[in-house]
Amino acid sequence: MAMPVKKDSLTVTGLTKQFMRIADSGPECGVRVYHSLKFIPDVLSLKPGTLDDTSWLRSGYFICMRNALDWVPVPNDVETFERQP
């Protein structure tokens, strides 16, 4: 799950660490909270499952459904895409 947010509207508290994925660099533990979008520099892709309060989250659409597992529940009122739009 990903949620686009304006970079200047996001406040992150607590210890964070910046990293870049480099092949064959060895394992490193961590959870991605957000990542930068190279093609939209003022927007971040937030992983909303990392928020303190997730009770208000609702999916707007599901993408890459051609690869979805059969057991993934998709609400009837949510738009789906076979590929990334």
Protein backbone atom coordinates (compact mmCIF):
# COMPACT_ATOMS: atom_id res chain seq x y z
CA MET A 1 0.00 0.00 0.00
CA ALA A 2 1.29 3.44 -0.86
CA MET A 3 -0.11 6.92 -0.34
CA PRO A 4 1.25 10.00 -2.14
CA VAL A 5 1.73 13.00 0.17
CA LYS A 6 3.23 16.45 -0.31
CA LYS A 7 6.74 16.43 1.14
CA ASP A 8 6.15 19.59 3.21
CA SER A 9 2.97 18.15 4.79
CA LEU A 10 4.63 15.09 6.35
CA THR A 11 6.07 15.14 9.87
CA VAL A 12 8.07 12.11 10.97
CA THR A 13 9.07 11.70 14.62
CA GLY A 14 11.54 9.26 16.07
CA LEU A 15 14.77 7.82 14.78
CA THR A 16 14.92 7.39 11.01
CA LYS A 17 17.65 6.35 8.64
CA GLN A 18 18.20 7.07 4.97
CA PHE A 19 19.43 4.26 2.76
CA MET A 20 19.76 3.33 -0.88
CA ARG A 21 19.43 -0.20 -2.17
CA ILE A 22 22.70 -1.44 -3.60
CA ALA A 23 22.93 -4.94 -5.05
CA ASP A 24 25.13 -7.43 -3.19
CA SER A 25 25.58 -5.02 -0.26
CA GLY A 26 24.35 -7.49 2.33
CA PRO A 27 21.24 -7.53 4.51
CA GLU A 28 20.16 -4.60 6.64
CA CYS A 29 17.08 -4.61 8.86
CA GLY A 30 14.50 -1.86 8.60
CA VAL A 31 11.05 -0.83 7.50
CA ARG A 32 10.48 1.70 4.77
CA VAL A 33 8.20 4.48 6.05
CA TYR A 34 8.30 6.49 2.82
CA HIS A 35 10.40 6.96 -0.26
CA SER A 36 11.11 9.83 -2.61
CA LEU A 37 9.68 9.92 -6.10
CA LYS A 38 12.34 10.97 -8.59
CA PHE A 39 9.76 12.08 -11.14
CA ILE A 40 7.78 14.22 -8.62
CA PRO A 41 10.33 15.82 -6.24
CA ASP A 42 7.80 17.51 -3.93
CA VAL A 43 5.81 14.29 -3.32
CA LEU A 44 6.70 11.30 -1.13
CA SER A 45 5.23 7.81 -1.32
CA LEU A 46 4.18 7.07 2.25
CA LYS A 47 3.59 3.52 3.51
CA PRO A 48 0.39 4.26 5.44
CA GLY A 49 0.54 1.04 7.46
CA THR A 50 3.36 2.70 9.41
CA LEU A 51 1.08 5.49 10.72
CA ASP A 52 0.10 5.59 14.39
CA ASP A 53 -3.61 5.71 13.51
CA THR A 54 -4.69 3.63 10.50
CA SER A 55 -8.41 3.50 11.33
CA TRP A 56 -9.26 6.12 8.70
CA LEU A 57 -7.39 4.45 5.81
CA ARG A 58 -9.45 3.26 2.84
CA SER A 59 -8.01 2.02 -0.45
CA GLY A 60 -8.80 4.25 -3.41
CA TYR A 61 -7.83 1.67 -6.00
CA PHE A 62 -5.91 -1.56 -6.48
CA ILE A 63 -3.17 -1.80 -9.12
CA CYS A 64 -1.30 -4.70 -10.76
CA MET A 65 -4.33 -6.94 -10.33
CA ARG A 66 -3.24 -9.28 -13.11
CA ASN A 67 -0.66 -10.56 -10.56
CA ALA A 68 -3.00 -10.56 -7.55
CA LEU A 69 -3.35 -13.69 -5.47
CA ASP A 70 -6.81 -15.28 -5.51
CA TRP A 71 -7.25 -14.81 -1.76
CA VAL A 72 -6.70 -11.01 -1.81
CA PRO A 73 -10.06 -9.41 -0.91
CA VAL A 74 -11.05 -6.50 -3.16
CA PRO A 75 -14.02 -4.38 -2.05
CA ASN A 76 -16.75 -4.00 -4.69
CA ASP A 77 -16.60 -0.20 -4.59
CA VAL A 78 -12.84 0.08 -5.24
CA GLU A 79 -11.51 0.61 -8.76
CA THR A 80 -8.96 -1.93 -10.02
CA PHE A 81 -6.29 -1.81 -12.73
CA GLU A 82 -4.59 -4.78 -14.36
CA ARG A 83 -1.38 -2.74 -14.68
CA GLN A 84 -0.01 0.47 -13.23
CA PRO A 85 -1.94 3.37 -14.85
